[in-house]
Amino acid sequence: VYLGPGRAEVFPPSEADLAHPALRQLRAWAKDHGWHSLARRLFQATQGDYSGYGPVEQEMQPIEGRRDAFTFRGRTLKLTGERLDPRRLADEDSGEVIWDRERTARPRFP
């Protein structure tokens, strides 16, 4: 069970769970491709929604001497990741998350 970024709890599947078409499909796929690095491969297969990041990125101005900090409309933003491969963008002063790839990603089955 997914409990938020970096948090999960695992329960043994019930008979009803095992009968669910999505779980059967995942198990068949994993049987063919293996279970190794499954979480990473599933995350990489997600479709990102950058609609909240794109307009902000176009107006961000780099702060000299800081790779991860930008100004945007009078605010200082901290970027996690790279500008063209962002993971998270937050207001440095308030901590408000402007955009987060994990929250906006739409999982796709590989």
N, C-alpha and C. Protein backbone atom coordinates (compact mmCIF):
# COMPACT_ATOMS: atom_id res chain seq x y z
N VAL A 1 0.86 -1.17 0.00
CA VAL A 1 0.00 0.00 0.00
C VAL A 1 0.90 1.23 0.00
N TYR A 2 0.68 2.12 -0.95
CA TYR A 2 1.46 3.34 -1.06
C TYR A 2 0.96 4.34 -0.04
N LEU A 3 1.87 4.86 0.79
CA LEU A 3 1.50 5.79 1.86
C LEU A 3 2.07 7.18 1.64
N GLY A 4 2.60 7.46 0.48
CA GLY A 4 3.19 8.76 0.19
C GLY A 4 4.63 8.58 -0.25
N PRO A 5 5.28 9.68 -0.64
CA PRO A 5 6.65 9.61 -1.15
C PRO A 5 7.59 8.90 -0.17
N GLY A 6 8.21 7.83 -0.65
CA GLY A 6 9.17 7.09 0.15
C GLY A 6 8.57 6.22 1.25
N ARG A 7 7.25 6.06 1.26
CA ARG A 7 6.60 5.26 2.32
C ARG A 7 5.64 4.27 1.69
N ALA A 8 5.75 3.03 2.13
CA ALA A 8 4.83 1.99 1.66
C ALA A 8 4.76 0.90 2.71
N GLU A 9 3.68 0.16 2.67
CA GLU A 9 3.50 -0.97 3.57
C GLU A 9 3.04 -2.15 2.72
N VAL A 10 3.61 -3.32 2.96
CA VAL A 10 3.31 -4.49 2.13
C VAL A 10 2.46 -5.47 2.92
N PHE A 11 1.36 -5.90 2.31
CA PHE A 11 0.48 -6.90 2.89
C PHE A 11 0.43 -8.08 1.93
N PRO A 12 0.33 -9.32 2.45
CA PRO A 12 0.18 -10.47 1.56
C PRO A 12 -1.12 -10.33 0.77
N PRO A 13 -1.12 -10.67 -0.52
CA PRO A 13 -2.34 -10.54 -1.33
C PRO A 13 -3.40 -11.56 -0.91
N SER A 14 -4.65 -11.13 -0.97
CA SER A 14 -5.77 -12.04 -0.69
C SER A 14 -6.12 -12.77 -1.99
N GLU A 15 -7.02 -13.73 -1.92
CA GLU A 15 -7.46 -14.44 -3.12
C GLU A 15 -8.14 -13.47 -4.09
N ALA A 16 -8.91 -12.52 -3.54
CA ALA A 16 -9.57 -11.53 -4.39
C ALA A 16 -8.53 -10.65 -5.10
N ASP A 17 -7.46 -10.30 -4.37
CA ASP A 17 -6.38 -9.51 -4.99
C ASP A 17 -5.75 -10.27 -6.15
N LEU A 18 -5.47 -11.54 -5.91
CA LEU A 18 -4.80 -12.35 -6.93
C LEU A 18 -5.67 -12.54 -8.17
N ALA A 19 -6.99 -12.43 -7.99
CA ALA A 19 -7.91 -12.60 -9.12
C ALA A 19 -8.11 -11.31 -9.91
N HIS A 20 -7.65 -10.18 -9.39
CA HIS A 20 -7.85 -8.90 -10.07
C HIS A 20 -7.07 -8.88 -11.38
N PRO A 21 -7.69 -8.45 -12.48
CA PRO A 21 -7.02 -8.45 -13.79
C PRO A 21 -5.72 -7.65 -13.82
N ALA A 22 -5.67 -6.53 -13.13
CA ALA A 22 -4.45 -5.72 -13.15
C ALA A 22 -3.30 -6.44 -12.47
N LEU A 23 -3.58 -7.10 -11.36
CA LEU A 23 -2.53 -7.84 -10.66
C LEU A 23 -2.10 -9.06 -11.46
N ARG A 24 -3.05 -9.72 -12.11
CA ARG A 24 -2.68 -10.86 -12.97
C ARG A 24 -1.77 -10.39 -14.10
N GLN A 25 -2.09 -9.24 -14.68
CA GLN A 25 -1.28 -8.70 -15.77
C GLN A 25 0.13 -8.34 -15.26
N LEU A 26 0.22 -7.72 -14.09
CA LEU A 26 1.52 -7.37 -13.52
C LEU A 26 2.34 -8.62 -13.24
N ARG A 27 1.71 -9.62 -12.66
CA ARG A 27 2.44 -10.87 -12.34
C ARG A 27 2.92 -11.55 -13.62
N ALA A 28 2.11 -11.54 -14.68
CA ALA A 28 2.52 -12.16 -15.95
C ALA A 28 3.68 -11.38 -16.55
N TRP A 29 3.61 -10.05 -16.48
CA TRP A 29 4.70 -9.23 -17.01
C TRP A 29 5.99 -9.47 -16.23
N ALA A 30 5.88 -9.51 -14.89
CA ALA A 30 7.06 -9.72 -14.05
C ALA A 30 7.64 -11.12 -14.26
N LYS A 31 6.80 -12.08 -14.54
CA LYS A 31 7.29 -13.44 -14.80
C LYS A 31 8.18 -13.44 -16.05
N ASP A 32 7.78 -12.67 -17.07
CA ASP A 32 8.56 -12.59 -18.31
C ASP A 32 9.80 -11.72 -18.18
N HIS A 33 9.69 -10.63 -17.42
CA HIS A 33 10.76 -9.64 -17.36
C HIS A 33 11.54 -9.62 -16.05
N GLY A 34 11.06 -10.30 -15.04
CA GLY A 34 11.73 -10.34 -13.74
C GLY A 34 11.24 -9.25 -12.80
N TRP A 35 11.45 -9.50 -11.50
CA TRP A 35 10.99 -8.58 -10.47
C TRP A 35 12.08 -7.58 -10.09
N HIS A 36 13.31 -7.75 -10.59
CA HIS A 36 14.41 -6.87 -10.20
C HIS A 36 14.11 -5.41 -10.58
N SER A 37 14.41 -4.52 -9.69
CA SER A 37 14.24 -3.07 -9.90
C SER A 37 12.83 -2.72 -10.37
N LEU A 38 11.85 -3.45 -9.92
CA LEU A 38 10.47 -3.25 -10.40
C LEU A 38 9.96 -1.85 -10.10
N ALA A 39 10.19 -1.35 -8.88
CA ALA A 39 9.70 -0.01 -8.53
C ALA A 39 10.32 1.05 -9.45
N ARG A 40 11.62 0.95 -9.69
CA ARG A 40 12.29 1.91 -10.56
C ARG A 40 11.75 1.82 -11.98
N ARG A 41 11.58 0.61 -12.49
CA ARG A 41 11.10 0.45 -13.87
C ARG A 41 9.66 0.93 -14.02
N LEU A 42 8.82 0.68 -13.01
CA LEU A 42 7.44 1.18 -13.07
C LEU A 42 7.42 2.70 -13.02
N PHE A 43 8.28 3.31 -12.16
CA PHE A 43 8.32 4.76 -12.09
C PHE A 43 8.81 5.35 -13.42
N GLN A 44 9.82 4.73 -14.02
CA GLN A 44 10.34 5.23 -15.29
C GLN A 44 9.31 5.10 -16.41
N ALA A 45 8.38 4.19 -16.25
CA ALA A 45 7.35 4.00 -17.27
C ALA A 45 6.17 4.96 -17.08
N THR A 46 6.26 5.84 -16.09
CA THR A 46 5.17 6.78 -15.87
C THR A 46 5.18 7.89 -16.90
N GLN A 47 4.04 8.47 -17.08
CA GLN A 47 3.92 9.60 -18.00
C GLN A 47 3.86 10.86 -17.14
N GLY A 48 4.86 11.71 -17.29
CA GLY A 48 4.93 12.92 -16.49
C GLY A 48 3.99 14.00 -16.98
N ASP A 49 3.45 14.77 -16.04
CA ASP A 49 2.62 15.93 -16.37
C ASP A 49 3.41 17.17 -15.98
N TYR A 50 3.99 17.81 -16.96
CA TYR A 50 4.84 18.97 -16.72
C TYR A 50 4.08 20.28 -16.91
N SER A 51 2.75 20.24 -17.01
CA SER A 51 1.98 21.45 -17.26
C SER A 51 2.10 22.47 -16.14
N GLY A 52 2.36 22.03 -14.92
CA GLY A 52 2.54 22.96 -13.81
C GLY A 52 3.97 23.47 -13.71
N TYR A 53 4.91 22.78 -14.31
CA TYR A 53 6.32 23.16 -14.25
C TYR A 53 6.72 24.04 -15.43
N GLY A 54 6.25 23.72 -16.62
CA GLY A 54 6.67 24.41 -17.84
C GLY A 54 6.55 25.92 -17.81
N PRO A 55 5.38 26.45 -17.47
CA PRO A 55 5.24 27.91 -17.46
C PRO A 55 6.17 28.59 -16.45
N VAL A 56 6.39 27.96 -15.30
CA VAL A 56 7.28 28.53 -14.28
C VAL A 56 8.73 28.46 -14.78
N GLU A 57 9.10 27.32 -15.36
CA GLU A 57 10.47 27.13 -15.84
C GLU A 57 10.86 28.18 -16.86
N GLN A 58 9.92 28.58 -17.70
CA GLN A 58 10.21 29.57 -18.74
C GLN A 58 10.57 30.93 -18.16
N GLU A 59 10.09 31.24 -16.97
CA GLU A 59 10.36 32.55 -16.36
C GLU A 59 11.41 32.50 -15.25
N MET A 60 11.89 31.32 -14.89
CA MET A 60 12.88 31.21 -13.81
C MET A 60 14.21 31.82 -14.25
N GLN A 61 14.82 32.57 -13.35
CA GLN A 61 16.14 33.15 -13.59
C GLN A 61 17.13 32.55 -12.61
N PRO A 62 18.26 32.01 -13.10
CA PRO A 62 19.23 31.39 -12.19
C PRO A 62 19.83 32.40 -11.21
N ILE A 63 20.10 31.93 -10.02
CA ILE A 63 20.78 32.74 -9.01
C ILE A 63 22.26 32.40 -9.10
N GLU A 64 23.07 33.40 -9.31
CA GLU A 64 24.50 33.20 -9.51
C GLU A 64 25.12 32.48 -8.31
N GLY A 65 25.92 31.47 -8.61
CA GLY A 65 26.61 30.72 -7.58
C GLY A 65 25.80 29.59 -6.96
N ARG A 66 24.56 29.42 -7.41
CA ARG A 66 23.71 28.34 -6.86
C ARG A 66 23.07 27.59 -8.02
N ARG A 67 23.42 26.32 -8.16
CA ARG A 67 22.88 25.49 -9.24
C ARG A 67 21.40 25.17 -9.07
N ASP A 68 20.95 25.12 -7.83
CA ASP A 68 19.59 24.64 -7.56
C ASP A 68 18.61 25.74 -7.20
N ALA A 69 19.00 27.01 -7.34
CA ALA A 69 18.13 28.10 -6.92
C ALA A 69 17.85 29.06 -8.07
N PHE A 70 16.60 29.52 -8.11
CA PHE A 70 16.15 30.41 -9.18
C PHE A 70 15.21 31.45 -8.58
N THR A 71 15.11 32.59 -9.24
CA THR A 71 14.10 33.57 -8.86
C THR A 71 12.94 33.46 -9.85
N PHE A 72 11.75 33.69 -9.33
CA PHE A 72 10.53 33.65 -10.14
C PHE A 72 9.53 34.60 -9.52
N ARG A 73 9.26 35.70 -10.20
CA ARG A 73 8.27 36.68 -9.74
C ARG A 73 8.47 37.09 -8.27
N GLY A 74 9.71 37.39 -7.92
CA GLY A 74 10.02 37.85 -6.57
C GLY A 74 10.21 36.75 -5.55
N ARG A 75 10.08 35.52 -5.95
CA ARG A 75 10.26 34.38 -5.04
C ARG A 75 11.56 33.68 -5.35
N THR A 76 12.13 33.01 -4.35
CA THR A 76 13.30 32.17 -4.56
C THR A 76 12.83 30.73 -4.55
N LEU A 77 13.09 30.03 -5.65
CA LEU A 77 12.67 28.64 -5.78
C LEU A 77 13.87 27.72 -5.73
N LYS A 78 13.69 26.58 -5.06
CA LYS A 78 14.73 25.56 -4.98
C LYS A 78 14.30 24.38 -5.85
N LEU A 79 15.20 23.99 -6.74
CA LEU A 79 14.93 22.90 -7.68
C LEU A 79 15.68 21.65 -7.25
N THR A 80 14.97 20.56 -7.16
CA THR A 80 15.59 19.25 -6.94
C THR A 80 15.63 18.56 -8.29
N GLY A 81 16.80 18.09 -8.67
CA GLY A 81 16.97 17.51 -10.01
C GLY A 81 17.65 18.53 -10.90
N GLU A 82 17.52 18.36 -12.17
CA GLU A 82 18.10 19.28 -13.15
C GLU A 82 16.98 20.12 -13.78
N ARG A 83 17.34 21.25 -14.32
CA ARG A 83 16.33 22.13 -14.90
C ARG A 83 15.52 21.44 -16.00
N LEU A 84 16.18 20.62 -16.82
CA LEU A 84 15.47 19.91 -17.88
C LEU A 84 15.08 18.49 -17.48
N ASP A 85 15.37 18.10 -16.26
CA ASP A 85 14.95 16.81 -15.71
C ASP A 85 14.60 17.01 -14.24
N PRO A 86 13.56 17.82 -13.98
CA PRO A 86 13.23 18.21 -12.60
C PRO A 86 12.53 17.09 -11.83
N ARG A 87 12.72 17.11 -10.51
CA ARG A 87 11.99 16.19 -9.65
C ARG A 87 11.00 16.95 -8.77
N ARG A 88 11.45 18.13 -8.31
CA ARG A 88 10.61 18.91 -7.38
C ARG A 88 11.02 20.37 -7.44
N LEU A 89 10.04 21.24 -7.31
CA LEU A 89 10.29 22.68 -7.29
C LEU A 89 9.51 23.26 -6.13
N ALA A 90 10.21 23.94 -5.22
CA ALA A 90 9.55 24.46 -4.02
C ALA A 90 10.03 25.89 -3.73
N ASP A 91 9.17 26.64 -3.06
CA ASP A 91 9.52 27.98 -2.60
C ASP A 91 10.50 27.81 -1.44
N GLU A 92 11.66 28.42 -1.56
CA GLU A 92 12.70 28.23 -0.56
C GLU A 92 12.32 28.82 0.80
N ASP A 93 11.59 29.91 0.81
CA ASP A 93 11.25 30.56 2.07
C ASP A 93 10.07 29.90 2.78
N SER A 94 8.99 29.65 2.04
CA SER A 94 7.78 29.12 2.68
C SER A 94 7.74 27.59 2.70
N GLY A 95 8.53 26.95 1.81
CA GLY A 95 8.48 25.49 1.71
C GLY A 95 7.34 24.99 0.83
N GLU A 96 6.53 25.91 0.30
CA GLU A 96 5.42 25.51 -0.56
C GLU A 96 5.95 24.78 -1.78
N VAL A 97 5.38 23.62 -2.05
CA VAL A 97 5.77 22.85 -3.23
C VAL A 97 5.02 23.40 -4.43
N ILE A 98 5.77 23.88 -5.40
CA ILE A 98 5.18 24.44 -6.62
C ILE A 98 4.82 23.32 -7.58
N TRP A 99 5.73 22.35 -7.69
CA TRP A 99 5.52 21.22 -8.61
C TRP A 99 6.34 20.05 -8.10
N ASP A 100 5.79 18.83 -8.23
CA ASP A 100 6.46 17.62 -7.78
C ASP A 100 6.18 16.51 -8.79
N ARG A 101 7.23 15.96 -9.39
CA ARG A 101 7.05 14.94 -10.42
C ARG A 101 6.33 13.71 -9.88
N GLU A 102 6.65 13.31 -8.66
CA GLU A 102 6.02 12.11 -8.11
C GLU A 102 4.51 12.30 -7.93
N ARG A 103 4.09 13.49 -7.55
CA ARG A 103 2.66 13.76 -7.36
C ARG A 103 1.91 13.90 -8.67
N THR A 104 2.60 14.37 -9.71
CA THR A 104 1.92 14.63 -10.98
C THR A 104 2.07 13.51 -12.00
N ALA A 105 2.89 12.52 -11.68
CA ALA A 105 3.12 11.42 -12.64
C ALA A 105 1.88 10.52 -12.71
N ARG A 106 1.58 10.10 -13.92
CA ARG A 106 0.49 9.16 -14.15
C ARG A 106 1.10 7.82 -14.53
N PRO A 107 1.02 6.82 -13.64
CA PRO A 107 1.65 5.54 -13.93
C PRO A 107 1.07 4.88 -15.18
N ARG A 108 1.95 4.29 -15.95
CA ARG A 108 1.57 3.47 -17.11
C ARG A 108 2.19 2.11 -16.90
N PHE A 109 1.46 1.11 -17.21
CA PHE A 109 2.01 -0.23 -17.09
C PHE A 109 3.00 -0.46 -18.22
N PRO A 110 4.20 -0.93 -17.89
CA PRO A 110 5.21 -1.10 -18.94
C PRO A 110 4.82 -2.14 -19.98
